[in-house]
């Protein structure tokens, strides 16, 4: 069965079908830069939670070194996103439970519209009230409200499937806007839109010529 990353499906769900091919080409071209932007930042955030304030300077130095592989602008934005995490989100965390980044591809994943969803939350924590939360660390800029809600809806499918979690246990940390999105419940209209998009993508994937023409 063919796979689709959550972030790709989230982007395509609210885009004109005629734009799908160009969006996918752009996402593919940005893949390497995305890794050196996202991965060091997320690793720095995990270290900040686990190792605390005493390790902060070392964490920042490593973040600058690693993020520098995709340029000065990447370093600047990574530091800004890290600061947003510390000032907005860190206070909401009671304790660290698990690093899920190594597990996202190691177990079965749910399907939607005939495609297997790729991705998942990055960390599992306990909040200040002792409640379990699965956290997605989202550093990307310029995502619409609809795209972020679609992202959360797809993540909800994954956390339910892999961890037996309910909607309120999913937290989406928007590191660009400093916004916490809590998925109080599933949004059926958004899920149906994502499912229709996935169904269309599956048909296009089965015939690459159709995908090129889309």
Foldseek 3Di string as FASTA:
>chain_A
DAADELLLLLVVLPDDLQCSLVVVVVCVVCVVLCCLLPVLLLVLVVCCQVVHDVCNVVSLVSNLVSNCVNHDVSNVLSVLLSVLCVVQPSLFFDHFDDACPVPQVPDAADDALRHGYGDEAGGWTQTPVRHIAGEHEAADPDDDPSSVLLSLLRNQRGCCVPPVDAQQRYWYQHSNVSDIDGRPHHDVVSSVSSRVSSNVVVVCVVPVVSSVSD
